[in-house]
PDB file of all heavy atoms in Angstrom:
ATOM      1  N   ASP A   1       0.865  -1.181   0.000  1.00  0.00           N
ATOM      2  CA  ASP A   1       0.000   0.000   0.000  1.00  0.00           C
ATOM      3  C   ASP A   1       0.902   1.230   0.000  1.00  0.00           C
ATOM      4  O   ASP A   1       1.610   1.483   0.977  1.00  0.00           O
ATOM      5  CB  ASP A   1      -0.894  -0.035   1.250  1.00  0.00           C
ATOM      6  CG  ASP A   1      -1.884   1.115   1.304  1.00  0.00           C
ATOM      7  OD1 ASP A   1      -1.579   2.186   0.750  1.00  0.00           O
ATOM      8  OD2 ASP A   1      -2.951   0.939   1.911  1.00  0.00           O
ATOM      9  N   GLN A   2       0.886   2.005  -1.088  1.00  0.00           N
ATOM     10  CA  GLN A   2       1.808   3.133  -1.209  1.00  0.00           C
ATOM     11  C   GLN A   2       1.514   4.227  -0.185  1.00  0.00           C
ATOM     12  O   GLN A   2       2.436   4.871   0.328  1.00  0.00           O
ATOM     13  CB  GLN A   2       1.806   3.698  -2.635  1.00  0.00           C
ATOM     14  CG  GLN A   2       0.629   4.570  -3.001  1.00  0.00           C
ATOM     15  CD  GLN A   2      -0.613   3.766  -3.313  1.00  0.00           C
ATOM     16  OE1 GLN A   2      -0.561   2.539  -3.458  1.00  0.00           O
ATOM     17  NE2 GLN A   2      -1.739   4.449  -3.445  1.00  0.00           N
ATOM     18  N   ALA A   3       0.244   4.450   0.147  1.00  0.00           N
ATOM     19  CA  ALA A   3      -0.089   5.475   1.152  1.00  0.00           C
ATOM     20  C   ALA A   3       0.459   5.067   2.518  1.00  0.00           C
ATOM     21  O   ALA A   3       0.963   5.900   3.275  1.00  0.00           O
ATOM     22  CB  ALA A   3      -1.597   5.683   1.214  1.00  0.00           C
ATOM     23  N   GLN A   4       0.362   3.779   2.814  1.00  0.00           N
ATOM     24  CA  GLN A   4       0.903   3.283   4.077  1.00  0.00           C
ATOM     25  C   GLN A   4       2.418   3.445   4.130  1.00  0.00           C
ATOM     26  O   GLN A   4       2.986   3.845   5.161  1.00  0.00           O
ATOM     27  CB  GLN A   4       0.529   1.814   4.259  1.00  0.00           C
ATOM     28  CG  GLN A   4       0.934   1.222   5.579  1.00  0.00           C
ATOM     29  CD  GLN A   4       0.547  -0.242   5.697  1.00  0.00           C
ATOM     30  OE1 GLN A   4       1.330  -1.078   6.132  1.00  0.00           O
ATOM     31  NE2 GLN A   4      -0.673  -0.575   5.299  1.00  0.00           N
ATOM     32  N   ALA A   5       3.091   3.155   3.024  1.00  0.00           N
ATOM     33  CA  ALA A   5       4.550   3.284   2.982  1.00  0.00           C
ATOM     34  C   ALA A   5       4.979   4.741   3.157  1.00  0.00           C
ATOM     35  O   ALA A   5       5.939   5.038   3.884  1.00  0.00           O
ATOM     36  CB  ALA A   5       5.081   2.723   1.660  1.00  0.00           C
ATOM     37  N   ILE A   6       4.275   5.671   2.515  1.00  0.00           N
ATOM     38  CA  ILE A   6       4.573   7.099   2.669  1.00  0.00           C
ATOM     39  C   ILE A   6       4.331   7.537   4.106  1.00  0.00           C
ATOM     40  O   ILE A   6       5.143   8.246   4.711  1.00  0.00           O
ATOM     41  CB  ILE A   6       3.717   7.932   1.685  1.00  0.00           C
ATOM     42  CG1 ILE A   6       4.159   7.674   0.245  1.00  0.00           C
ATOM     43  CG2 ILE A   6       3.803   9.419   2.021  1.00  0.00           C
ATOM     44  CD1 ILE A   6       3.209   8.238  -0.803  1.00  0.00           C
ATOM     45  N   ALA A   7       3.208   7.102   4.677  1.00  0.00           N
ATOM     46  CA  ALA A   7       2.864   7.489   6.048  1.00  0.00           C
ATOM     47  C   ALA A   7       3.884   6.968   7.049  1.00  0.00           C
ATOM     48  O   ALA A   7       4.226   7.662   8.020  1.00  0.00           O
ATOM     49  CB  ALA A   7       1.463   6.980   6.392  1.00  0.00           C
ATOM     50  N   ARG A   8       4.386   5.761   6.834  1.00  0.00           N
ATOM     51  CA  ARG A   8       5.360   5.194   7.777  1.00  0.00           C
ATOM     52  C   ARG A   8       6.671   5.984   7.771  1.00  0.00           C
ATOM     53  O   ARG A   8       7.275   6.208   8.820  1.00  0.00           O
ATOM     54  CB  ARG A   8       5.615   3.719   7.468  1.00  0.00           C
ATOM     55  CG  ARG A   8       4.440   2.818   7.816  1.00  0.00           C
ATOM     56  CD  ARG A   8       4.818   1.356   7.849  1.00  0.00           C
ATOM     57  NE  ARG A   8       3.673   0.502   8.088  1.00  0.00           N
ATOM     58  CZ  ARG A   8       3.087   0.320   9.269  1.00  0.00           C
ATOM     59  NH1 ARG A   8       3.547   0.966  10.332  1.00  0.00           N
ATOM     60  NH2 ARG A   8       2.047  -0.485   9.395  1.00  0.00           N
ATOM     61  N   GLU A   9       7.113   6.429   6.605  1.00  0.00           N
ATOM     62  CA  GLU A   9       8.338   7.230   6.540  1.00  0.00           C
ATOM     63  C   GLU A   9       8.108   8.604   7.157  1.00  0.00           C
ATOM     64  O   GLU A   9       8.961   9.112   7.899  1.00  0.00           O
ATOM     65  CB  GLU A   9       8.808   7.371   5.096  1.00  0.00           C
ATOM     66  CG  GLU A   9      10.068   8.209   4.922  1.00  0.00           C
ATOM     67  CD  GLU A   9      11.311   7.628   5.576  1.00  0.00           C
ATOM     68  OE1 GLU A   9      11.324   6.406   5.877  1.00  0.00           O
ATOM     69  OE2 GLU A   9      12.283   8.396   5.786  1.00  0.00           O
ATOM     70  N   ALA A  10       6.963   9.208   6.881  1.00  0.00           N
ATOM     71  CA  ALA A  10       6.641  10.504   7.494  1.00  0.00           C
ATOM     72  C   ALA A  10       6.544  10.363   9.003  1.00  0.00           C
ATOM     73  O   ALA A  10       7.024  11.225   9.757  1.00  0.00           O
ATOM     74  CB  ALA A  10       5.335  11.046   6.920  1.00  0.00           C
ATOM     75  N   SER A  11       5.952   9.279   9.460  1.00  0.00           N
ATOM     76  CA  SER A  11       5.832   9.011  10.904  1.00  0.00           C
ATOM     77  C   SER A  11       7.202   8.913  11.557  1.00  0.00           C
ATOM     78  O   SER A  11       7.442   9.480  12.627  1.00  0.00           O
ATOM     79  CB  SER A  11       5.053   7.703  11.111  1.00  0.00           C
ATOM     80  OG  SER A  11       5.176   7.230  12.437  1.00  0.00           O
ATOM     81  N   ARG A  12       8.105   8.207  10.898  1.00  0.00           N
ATOM     82  CA  ARG A  12       9.452   8.022  11.449  1.00  0.00           C
ATOM     83  C   ARG A  12      10.171   9.352  11.583  1.00  0.00           C
ATOM     84  O   ARG A  12      10.852   9.614  12.579  1.00  0.00           O
ATOM     85  CB  ARG A  12      10.242   7.078  10.533  1.00  0.00           C
ATOM     86  CG  ARG A  12      11.618   6.698  11.056  1.00  0.00           C
ATOM     87  CD  ARG A  12      12.350   5.814  10.076  1.00  0.00           C
ATOM     88  NE  ARG A  12      12.832   6.533   8.918  1.00  0.00           N
ATOM     89  CZ  ARG A  12      13.917   7.301   8.909  1.00  0.00           C
ATOM     90  NH1 ARG A  12      14.631   7.482  10.017  1.00  0.00           N
ATOM     91  NH2 ARG A  12      14.300   7.909   7.799  1.00  0.00           N
ATOM     92  N   ARG A  13       9.993  10.220  10.600  1.00  0.00           N
ATOM     93  CA  ARG A  13      10.702  11.501  10.608  1.00  0.00           C
ATOM     94  C   ARG A  13      10.054  12.536  11.534  1.00  0.00           C
ATOM     95  O   ARG A  13      10.746  13.391  12.071  1.00  0.00           O
ATOM     96  CB  ARG A  13      10.784  12.058   9.182  1.00  0.00           C
ATOM     97  CG  ARG A  13      11.784  11.300   8.318  1.00  0.00           C
ATOM     98  CD  ARG A  13      11.739  11.751   6.866  1.00  0.00           C
ATOM     99  NE  ARG A  13      12.872  11.171   6.126  1.00  0.00           N
ATOM    100  CZ  ARG A  13      14.020  11.772   5.902  1.00  0.00           C
ATOM    101  NH1 ARG A  13      14.226  13.001   6.355  1.00  0.00           N
ATOM    102  NH2 ARG A  13      14.986  11.186   5.229  1.00  0.00           N
ATOM    103  N   LEU A  14       8.751  12.457  11.697  1.00  0.00           N
ATOM    104  CA  LEU A  14       8.036  13.460  12.485  1.00  0.00           C
ATOM    105  C   LEU A  14       7.780  13.023  13.927  1.00  0.00           C
ATOM    106  O   LEU A  14       7.421  13.847  14.773  1.00  0.00           O
ATOM    107  CB  LEU A  14       6.694  13.793  11.822  1.00  0.00           C
ATOM    108  CG  LEU A  14       6.763  14.450  10.448  1.00  0.00           C
ATOM    109  CD1 LEU A  14       5.369  14.520   9.824  1.00  0.00           C
ATOM    110  CD2 LEU A  14       7.369  15.842  10.545  1.00  0.00           C
ATOM    111  N   GLY A  15       7.937  11.721  14.180  1.00  0.00           N
ATOM    112  CA  GLY A  15       7.655  11.230  15.522  1.00  0.00           C
ATOM    113  C   GLY A  15       6.172  11.208  15.850  1.00  0.00           C
ATOM    114  O   GLY A  15       5.779  11.303  17.011  1.00  0.00           O
ATOM    115  N   ILE A  16       5.334  11.085  14.817  1.00  0.00           N
ATOM    116  CA  ILE A  16       3.890  10.964  15.009  1.00  0.00           C
ATOM    117  C   ILE A  16       3.512   9.511  14.737  1.00  0.00           C
ATOM    118  O   ILE A  16       3.856   8.974  13.684  1.00  0.00           O
ATOM    119  CB  ILE A  16       3.118  11.889  14.049  1.00  0.00           C
ATOM    120  CG1 ILE A  16       3.524  13.351  14.260  1.00  0.00           C
ATOM    121  CG2 ILE A  16       1.607  11.727  14.231  1.00  0.00           C
ATOM    122  CD1 ILE A  16       2.943  14.300  13.220  1.00  0.00           C
ATOM    123  N   PRO A  17       2.801   8.840  15.643  1.00  0.00           N
ATOM    124  CA  PRO A  17       2.442   7.437  15.403  1.00  0.00           C
ATOM    125  C   PRO A  17       1.586   7.280  14.151  1.00  0.00           C
ATOM    126  O   PRO A  17       0.826   8.189  13.783  1.00  0.00           O
ATOM    127  CB  PRO A  17       1.636   7.059  16.656  1.00  0.00           C
ATOM    128  CG  PRO A  17       1.936   8.099  17.668  1.00  0.00           C
ATOM    129  CD  PRO A  17       2.304   9.337  16.928  1.00  0.00           C
ATOM    130  N   VAL A  18       1.725   6.130  13.506  1.00  0.00           N
ATOM    131  CA  VAL A  18       0.889   5.798  12.351  1.00  0.00           C
ATOM    132  C   VAL A  18       0.113   4.533  12.690  1.00  0.00           C
ATOM    133  O   VAL A  18       0.652   3.609  13.307  1.00  0.00           O
ATOM    134  CB  VAL A  18       1.737   5.615  11.066  1.00  0.00           C
ATOM    135  CG1 VAL A  18       2.765   4.502  11.205  1.00  0.00           C
ATOM    136  CG2 VAL A  18       0.852   5.343   9.856  1.00  0.00           C
ATOM    137  N   ASP A  19      -1.166   4.486  12.328  1.00  0.00           N
ATOM    138  CA  ASP A  19      -1.995   3.299  12.543  1.00  0.00           C
ATOM    139  C   ASP A  19      -2.563   2.880  11.197  1.00  0.00           C
ATOM    140  O   ASP A  19      -3.489   3.506  10.679  1.00  0.00           O
ATOM    141  CB  ASP A  19      -3.111   3.591  13.544  1.00  0.00           C
ATOM    142  CG  ASP A  19      -3.825   2.316  14.002  1.00  0.00           C
ATOM    143  OD1 ASP A  19      -3.785   1.322  13.247  1.00  0.00           O
ATOM    144  OD2 ASP A  19      -4.418   2.330  15.097  1.00  0.00           O
ATOM    145  N   ALA A  20      -1.977   1.829  10.635  1.00  0.00           N
ATOM    146  CA  ALA A  20      -2.402   1.354   9.320  1.00  0.00           C
ATOM    147  C   ALA A  20      -3.555   0.361   9.410  1.00  0.00           C
ATOM    148  O   ALA A  20      -4.020  -0.138   8.383  1.00  0.00           O
ATOM    149  CB  ALA A  20      -1.220   0.712   8.604  1.00  0.00           C
ATOM    150  N   HIS A  21      -3.997   0.054  10.631  1.00  0.00           N
ATOM    151  CA  HIS A  21      -5.045  -0.951  10.806  1.00  0.00           C
ATOM    152  C   HIS A  21      -6.307  -0.389  11.434  1.00  0.00           C
ATOM    153  O   HIS A  21      -7.246  -1.122  11.707  1.00  0.00           O
ATOM    154  CB  HIS A  21      -4.513  -2.102  11.661  1.00  0.00           C
ATOM    155  CG  HIS A  21      -3.248  -2.701  11.136  1.00  0.00           C
ATOM    156  ND1 HIS A  21      -3.211  -3.444   9.969  1.00  0.00           N
ATOM    157  CD2 HIS A  21      -1.967  -2.635  11.584  1.00  0.00           C
ATOM    158  CE1 HIS A  21      -1.958  -3.824   9.730  1.00  0.00           C
ATOM    159  NE2 HIS A  21      -1.189  -3.343  10.682  1.00  0.00           N
ATOM    160  N   ALA A  22      -6.321   0.925  11.656  1.00  0.00           N
ATOM    161  CA  ALA A  22      -7.497   1.541  12.278  1.00  0.00           C
ATOM    162  C   ALA A  22      -8.698   1.521  11.341  1.00  0.00           C
ATOM    163  O   ALA A  22      -9.838   1.384  11.777  1.00  0.00           O
ATOM    164  CB  ALA A  22      -7.182   2.974  12.688  1.00  0.00           C
ATOM    165  N   CYS A  23      -8.429   1.662  10.036  1.00  0.00           N
ATOM    166  CA  CYS A  23      -9.503   1.749   9.047  1.00  0.00           C
ATOM    167  C   CYS A  23      -9.314   0.689   7.974  1.00  0.00           C
ATOM    168  O   CYS A  23      -8.195   0.264   7.692  1.00  0.00           O
ATOM    169  CB  CYS A  23      -9.525   3.130   8.408  1.00  0.00           C
ATOM    170  SG  CYS A  23      -9.761   4.467   9.593  1.00  0.00           S
ATOM    171  N   ARG A  24     -10.419   0.313   7.384  1.00  0.00           N
ATOM    172  CA  ARG A  24     -10.383  -0.704   6.333  1.00  0.00           C
ATOM    173  C   ARG A  24     -11.278  -0.268   5.189  1.00  0.00           C
ATOM    174  O   ARG A  24     -12.331   0.328   5.397  1.00  0.00           O
ATOM    175  CB  ARG A  24     -10.878  -2.034   6.912  1.00  0.00           C
ATOM    176  CG  ARG A  24     -10.792  -3.191   5.945  1.00  0.00           C
ATOM    177  CD  ARG A  24     -11.042  -4.510   6.654  1.00  0.00           C
ATOM    178  NE  ARG A  24     -11.099  -5.597   5.708  1.00  0.00           N
ATOM    179  CZ  ARG A  24     -12.124  -6.454   5.589  1.00  0.00           C
ATOM    180  NH1 ARG A  24     -13.171  -6.344   6.369  1.00  0.00           N
ATOM    181  NH2 ARG A  24     -12.091  -7.410   4.688  1.00  0.00           N
TER     182      ARG A  24
END
């Protein structure tokens, strides 16, 4: 999932948690 991959890198750099399983 490209949106998930982008969000995970942004999360790592910003220190904001990412939840890829909250929504389906």
